[in-house]
């Protein structure tokens, strides 16, 4: 089978900058790909790299798309190298939509975690998200001085309803001493704190294993398991905690599906600030592979303005 291939770069400005330990992120740039089969059926995919997570750069993804012919085959798609994980996801997701057998995916079983802004802005935002139905929230730490963040945390945790769950995401930005302090404090709120995400940098995996045995508060790996190869490595090293999987950058969906089905992982699926194209493909995997009741990290719609219904048509016609 051969498919007609075309692609378009796209950029979206966040309604408010995403502030993490990695820096300030103001514009989300990605690539939308289109495949057309011999019957004229159209399928879409999305390539949304996050280079500081260890994926290819946007330029590398664009270069890869540019060197492809306008007619491609599944063999070409499945031969995309592991150094281009976001490309693997985008092309395989588009190809997967051509499958004749589409099993029913029950997305109704998924609940969502709402992303709060870093800093004091979280104290105002959580109520808005709560009224929209969110019961789980994620707040970025490791951005400001720890004393300031602990002060905000105290206000946040005491104002959140008792039934709410809070996730703290450090994006690898804490020192070992700071991680200990956060975990010690979080142990006092074990019914409300779901986990601390990536407290230490990727090269501190042994230290995170050590910390996970010291405290009741769970630790989730994120940057450490950004790609499928990293996920396999951490699993083989005996990680017993939570794995945060971002389908949009992890790599091949078929290989991810196989790995998760073969192993009993405690997984949280999470967004990479993709458009509806990548979101649908990622949520399909989340609905298939989630084996627990943890909320998926896709509560990020409030970071973008809503697109027009014909945005794809406009994207292709306005080249």
Protein backbone atom coordinates (compact mmCIF):
# COMPACT_ATOMS: atom_id res chain seq x y z
CA UNK A 1 0.00 0.00 0.00
CA UNK A 2 1.21 3.47 -0.88
CA UNK A 3 0.06 6.78 0.55
CA UNK A 4 0.26 10.34 -0.70
CA UNK A 5 2.15 12.35 1.90
CA UNK A 6 2.20 16.05 2.70
CA UNK A 7 2.91 18.11 5.81
CA UNK A 8 2.55 21.58 7.26
CA UNK A 9 4.30 23.28 10.20
CA UNK A 10 2.01 24.90 12.72
CA UNK A 11 2.53 27.14 15.73
CA UNK A 12 0.18 28.01 18.58
CA UNK A 13 0.72 30.73 21.13
CA UNK A 14 -0.08 29.69 24.68
CA UNK A 15 -2.77 31.77 26.37
CA UNK A 16 -0.24 32.08 29.19
CA UNK A 17 3.41 30.97 29.08
CA UNK A 18 4.17 27.51 30.44
CA UNK A 19 6.83 28.04 33.11
CA UNK A 20 8.91 25.07 34.25
CA UNK A 21 12.42 24.37 35.47
CA UNK A 22 13.35 24.08 31.79
CA UNK A 23 12.43 27.72 31.17
CA UNK A 24 9.56 29.80 29.79
CA UNK A 25 7.63 28.29 26.88
CA UNK A 26 5.46 30.72 24.92
CA UNK A 27 4.78 29.10 21.52
CA UNK A 28 4.04 25.44 20.72
CA UNK A 29 5.47 24.49 17.34
CA UNK A 30 4.64 21.18 15.69
CA UNK A 31 4.02 19.54 12.32
CA UNK A 32 0.73 18.19 10.99
CA UNK A 33 1.07 15.36 8.46
CA UNK A 34 -1.52 14.09 6.00
CA UNK A 35 -1.70 10.67 4.39
CA UNK A 36 -4.13 9.83 1.58
CA UNK A 37 -4.75 6.24 0.49
CA UNK A 38 -5.71 4.98 -3.00
CA UNK A 39 -9.42 5.36 -2.21
CA UNK A 40 -8.98 9.01 -1.28
CA UNK A 41 -9.39 8.44 2.44
CA UNK A 42 -7.44 11.03 4.45
CA UNK A 43 -5.68 10.44 7.76
CA UNK A 44 -3.84 12.91 9.97
CA UNK A 45 -0.88 12.69 12.31
CA UNK A 46 1.06 15.14 14.47
CA UNK A 47 4.76 15.51 15.21
CA UNK A 48 5.30 17.54 18.39
CA UNK A 49 8.91 17.30 19.58
CA UNK A 50 10.12 18.58 22.94
CA UNK A 51 13.86 18.79 22.48
CA UNK A 52 14.70 19.42 26.14
CA UNK A 53 12.97 16.12 26.94
CA UNK A 54 15.43 14.34 24.69
CA UNK A 55 13.48 14.14 21.41
CA UNK A 56 14.53 15.39 18.02
CA UNK A 57 14.39 19.14 17.41
CA UNK A 58 11.62 20.67 15.33
CA UNK A 59 14.21 21.37 12.60
CA UNK A 60 15.28 17.72 12.55
CA UNK A 61 11.65 16.68 12.23
CA UNK A 62 11.08 19.18 9.42
CA UNK A 63 14.24 18.00 7.67
CA UNK A 64 13.05 14.41 7.89
CA UNK A 65 9.64 15.28 6.41
CA UNK A 66 11.25 17.40 3.69
CA UNK A 67 13.46 14.58 2.41
CA UNK A 68 10.57 12.13 2.04
CA UNK A 69 8.94 11.58 -1.32
CA UNK A 70 5.32 12.60 -1.83
CA UNK A 71 4.45 8.91 -1.92
CA UNK A 72 5.41 6.74 1.05
CA UNK A 73 4.80 3.18 2.28
CA UNK A 74 4.28 1.54 5.70
CA UNK A 75 7.80 0.12 5.38
CA UNK A 76 9.19 3.65 5.30
CA UNK A 77 7.13 4.63 8.32
CA UNK A 78 8.19 1.64 10.44
CA UNK A 79 11.81 2.28 9.51
CA UNK A 80 11.86 5.77 11.08
CA UNK A 81 14.87 5.67 13.45
CA UNK A 82 14.59 5.86 17.24
CA UNK A 83 16.38 9.22 17.23
CA UNK A 84 13.14 10.66 15.80
CA UNK A 85 10.56 9.50 18.39
CA UNK A 86 8.04 12.29 17.76
CA UNK A 87 8.16 11.47 14.04
CA UNK A 88 7.59 7.79 14.84
CA UNK A 89 4.48 8.70 16.80
CA UNK A 90 3.07 11.09 14.19
CA UNK A 91 3.50 8.83 11.18
CA UNK A 92 2.43 5.60 12.91
CA UNK A 93 -0.64 7.28 14.38
CA UNK A 94 -1.70 8.48 10.94
CA UNK A 95 -1.09 5.03 9.46
CA UNK A 96 -3.04 3.34 12.25
CA UNK A 97 -6.19 5.21 11.30
CA UNK A 98 -6.33 3.30 8.01
CA UNK A 99 -6.76 -0.02 9.83
CA UNK A 100 -9.89 -1.85 8.79
CA UNK A 101 -10.66 -3.02 12.31
CA UNK A 102 -11.35 -0.19 14.74
CA UNK A 103 -12.06 -1.51 18.21
CA UNK A 104 -14.41 0.54 20.35
CA UNK A 105 -12.41 2.76 22.69
CA UNK A 106 -14.26 3.92 25.79
CA UNK A 107 -12.86 7.35 26.54
CA UNK A 108 -15.57 7.86 29.17
CA UNK A 109 -13.47 5.87 31.64
CA UNK A 110 -10.72 8.50 31.53
CA UNK A 111 -10.52 11.30 34.09
CA UNK A 112 -8.27 14.31 33.61
CA UNK A 113 -5.69 16.20 35.62
CA UNK A 114 -5.81 19.97 35.20
CA UNK A 115 -2.50 21.79 34.82
CA UNK A 116 -2.09 24.76 37.16
CA UNK A 117 0.24 27.65 36.38
CA UNK A 118 3.48 27.88 38.31
CA UNK A 119 3.75 30.20 41.28
CA UNK A 120 0.98 32.09 43.04
CA UNK A 121 -1.28 32.07 39.97
CA UNK A 122 -2.19 28.49 40.92
CA UNK A 123 -4.08 29.81 43.95
CA UNK A 124 -6.66 31.44 41.68
CA UNK A 125 -6.70 28.92 38.83
CA UNK A 126 -7.61 25.76 40.74
CA UNK A 127 -11.12 26.96 41.58
CA UNK A 128 -11.88 27.65 37.92
CA UNK A 129 -10.72 24.16 36.95
CA UNK A 130 -12.59 22.60 39.89
CA UNK A 131 -15.83 24.18 38.65
CA UNK A 132 -15.10 22.68 35.23
CA UNK A 133 -15.03 19.23 36.79
CA UNK A 134 -11.35 18.60 37.49
CA UNK A 135 -10.61 16.71 40.69
CA UNK A 136 -6.86 16.21 40.13
CA UNK A 137 -4.37 19.05 39.65
CA UNK A 138 -0.72 19.33 38.71
CA UNK A 139 1.44 22.18 39.95
CA UNK A 140 4.97 22.96 38.78
CA UNK A 141 7.68 23.27 41.44
CA UNK A 142 11.42 23.82 41.19
CA UNK A 143 10.75 27.11 39.41
CA UNK A 144 11.17 29.66 42.24
CA UNK A 145 12.98 29.64 45.59
CA UNK A 146 11.88 26.64 47.61
CA UNK A 147 10.84 28.77 50.60
CA UNK A 148 8.50 30.76 48.38
CA UNK A 149 7.08 27.63 46.77
CA UNK A 150 6.50 25.98 50.13
CA UNK A 151 4.59 29.06 51.27
CA UNK A 152 2.36 28.88 48.18
CA UNK A 153 2.01 25.12 48.61
CA UNK A 154 0.70 25.56 52.16
CA UNK A 155 -1.99 27.92 50.93
CA UNK A 156 -2.85 25.67 48.00
CA UNK A 157 -3.09 22.41 49.95
CA UNK A 158 -5.21 23.94 52.72
CA UNK A 159 -7.63 25.51 50.26
CA UNK A 160 -8.09 22.51 48.00
CA UNK A 161 -11.11 20.35 48.85
CA UNK A 162 -10.23 17.18 50.77
CA UNK A 163 -11.36 15.06 47.82
CA UNK A 164 -8.92 16.77 45.43
CA UNK A 165 -5.61 15.19 44.45
CA UNK A 166 -2.47 17.25 43.86
CA UNK A 167 0.55 16.28 41.77
CA UNK A 168 3.81 18.22 42.14
CA UNK A 169 6.01 18.33 39.05
CA UNK A 170 9.62 19.42 39.51
CA UNK A 171 10.78 18.69 35.94
CA UNK A 172 14.08 17.48 37.42
CA UNK A 173 14.72 20.84 39.05
CA UNK A 174 15.27 19.93 42.71
CA UNK A 175 18.50 19.19 44.54
CA UNK A 176 18.69 15.99 46.59
CA UNK A 177 18.20 18.00 49.79
CA UNK A 178 15.21 19.87 48.36
CA UNK A 179 13.64 16.62 47.16
CA UNK A 180 13.98 15.18 50.66
CA UNK A 181 12.31 18.24 52.14
CA UNK A 182 9.40 18.15 49.69
CA UNK A 183 8.85 14.42 50.20
CA UNK A 184 8.97 14.79 53.99
CA UNK A 185 6.37 17.57 53.87
CA UNK A 186 4.19 15.69 51.38
CA UNK A 187 4.10 12.67 53.67
CA UNK A 188 2.00 14.83 56.01
CA UNK A 189 -0.63 15.13 53.26
CA UNK A 190 -0.61 11.58 51.95
CA UNK A 191 -4.35 11.59 51.25
CA UNK A 192 -4.08 14.64 49.02
CA UNK A 193 -0.65 14.38 47.36
CA UNK A 194 -0.78 11.76 44.62
CA UNK A 195 2.92 11.92 43.72
CA UNK A 196 5.96 14.09 43.05
CA UNK A 197 6.98 13.97 39.41
CA UNK A 198 10.64 13.83 38.38
CA UNK A 199 12.15 15.48 41.49
CA UNK A 200 15.75 15.03 40.29
CA UNK A 201 17.45 15.27 36.92
CA UNK A 202 17.62 12.31 34.56
CA UNK A 203 21.20 11.45 35.57
CA UNK A 204 20.07 11.04 39.20
CA UNK A 205 18.06 7.84 38.66
CA UNK A 206 19.78 5.89 41.50
CA UNK A 207 19.06 8.74 43.90
CA UNK A 208 15.37 8.73 42.91
CA UNK A 209 15.24 4.98 43.48
CA UNK A 210 16.74 5.60 46.92
CA UNK A 211 14.29 8.38 47.76
CA UNK A 212 11.34 6.24 46.68
CA UNK A 213 12.16 3.79 49.48
CA UNK A 214 12.47 6.48 52.17
CA UNK A 215 9.01 8.08 51.95
CA UNK A 216 5.37 7.14 51.58
CA UNK A 217 4.81 9.80 48.91
CA UNK A 218 5.21 8.18 45.52
CA UNK A 219 7.68 9.38 42.91
CA UNK A 220 6.82 9.41 39.21
CA UNK A 221 9.42 9.40 36.45
CA UNK A 222 8.80 11.76 33.53
CA UNK A 223 11.90 13.10 31.76
CA UNK A 224 13.66 9.87 32.74
CA UNK A 225 11.21 7.86 30.62
CA UNK A 226 10.58 10.33 27.80
CA UNK A 227 11.37 7.78 25.08
CA UNK A 228 10.60 4.09 24.77
CA UNK A 229 14.29 3.20 25.18
CA UNK A 230 14.42 5.14 28.48
CA UNK A 231 11.18 3.55 29.63
CA UNK A 232 12.56 0.07 29.00
CA UNK A 233 15.84 0.93 30.74
CA UNK A 234 14.19 2.24 33.92
CA UNK A 235 11.84 -0.73 34.03
CA UNK A 236 14.75 -3.15 33.65
CA UNK A 237 16.60 -1.30 36.43
CA UNK A 238 13.76 -2.22 38.76
CA UNK A 239 11.79 1.03 39.01
CA UNK A 240 8.77 0.28 41.20
CA UNK A 241 7.16 3.73 41.07
CA UNK A 242 4.98 5.52 38.55
CA UNK A 243 5.85 6.02 34.89
CA UNK A 244 4.59 9.21 33.20
CA UNK A 245 4.31 8.44 29.49
CA UNK A 246 3.92 11.19 26.92
CA UNK A 247 2.72 9.29 23.83
CA UNK A 248 3.48 12.22 21.54
CA UNK A 249 7.22 11.92 22.15
CA UNK A 250 7.77 8.39 23.46
CA UNK A 251 8.19 6.89 19.99
CA UNK A 252 6.46 4.04 18.16
CA UNK A 253 2.85 3.53 19.34
CA UNK A 254 2.86 -0.13 18.32
CA UNK A 255 6.01 -0.87 20.32
CA UNK A 256 4.74 1.13 23.30
CA UNK A 257 1.48 -0.82 23.19
CA UNK A 258 3.35 -4.12 23.13
CA UNK A 259 5.65 -3.13 26.02
CA UNK A 260 2.79 -1.95 28.24
CA UNK A 261 0.73 -5.05 27.52
CA UNK A 262 3.67 -7.30 28.41
CA UNK A 263 4.48 -5.58 31.70
CA UNK A 264 2.42 -4.46 34.67
CA UNK A 265 3.27 -0.76 34.82
CA UNK A 266 1.77 1.95 37.01
CA UNK A 267 1.31 4.50 34.24
CA UNK A 268 0.06 8.06 33.85
CA UNK A 269 -0.41 9.19 30.26
CA UNK A 270 0.29 12.85 29.68
CA UNK A 271 0.04 15.57 27.05
CA UNK A 272 2.81 17.34 25.13
CA UNK A 273 0.55 20.33 24.34
CA UNK A 274 -0.46 18.82 21.03
CA UNK A 275 -3.39 19.81 18.82
CA UNK A 276 -6.58 17.74 18.63
CA UNK A 277 -4.84 15.50 16.08
CA UNK A 278 -2.10 14.30 18.41
CA UNK A 279 -4.43 14.41 21.41
CA UNK A 280 -6.87 11.92 19.90
CA UNK A 281 -4.07 9.48 19.03
CA UNK A 282 -2.53 9.83 22.50
CA UNK A 283 -5.85 9.38 24.32
CA UNK A 284 -6.55 6.28 22.26
CA UNK A 285 -3.38 4.75 23.71
CA UNK A 286 -4.25 5.96 27.20
CA UNK A 287 -7.71 4.39 27.02
CA UNK A 288 -6.25 1.11 25.76
CA UNK A 289 -3.32 0.84 28.14
CA UNK A 290 -4.26 2.51 31.43
CA UNK A 291 -4.59 -0.22 34.07
CA UNK A 292 -5.44 2.05 36.99
CA UNK A 293 -7.76 4.89 37.86
CA UNK A 294 -5.14 7.63 37.69
CA UNK A 295 -6.20 10.78 35.88
CA UNK A 296 -4.51 11.37 32.53
CA UNK A 297 -2.48 14.55 32.18
CA UNK A 298 -4.44 16.11 29.34
CA UNK A 299 -6.18 18.92 31.22
CA UNK A 300 -4.38 21.62 29.24
CA UNK A 301 -7.07 23.02 26.92
CA UNK A 302 -7.13 26.28 28.87
CA UNK A 303 -3.60 26.95 27.61
CA UNK A 304 -4.84 27.45 24.04
CA UNK A 305 -7.57 29.45 22.34
CA UNK A 306 -10.15 27.24 20.65
CA UNK A 307 -9.48 26.56 16.97
CA UNK A 308 -11.95 27.13 14.14
CA UNK A 309 -13.65 23.98 12.92
CA UNK A 310 -11.96 24.32 9.52
CA UNK A 311 -8.43 24.92 10.85
CA UNK A 312 -6.94 21.94 9.02
CA UNK A 313 -8.39 23.04 5.69
CA UNK A 314 -7.06 26.54 6.29
CA UNK A 315 -3.63 25.20 7.23
CA UNK A 316 -3.36 23.29 3.95
CA UNK A 317 -4.73 26.03 1.75
CA UNK A 318 -2.70 28.87 3.24
CA UNK A 319 0.75 27.51 2.45
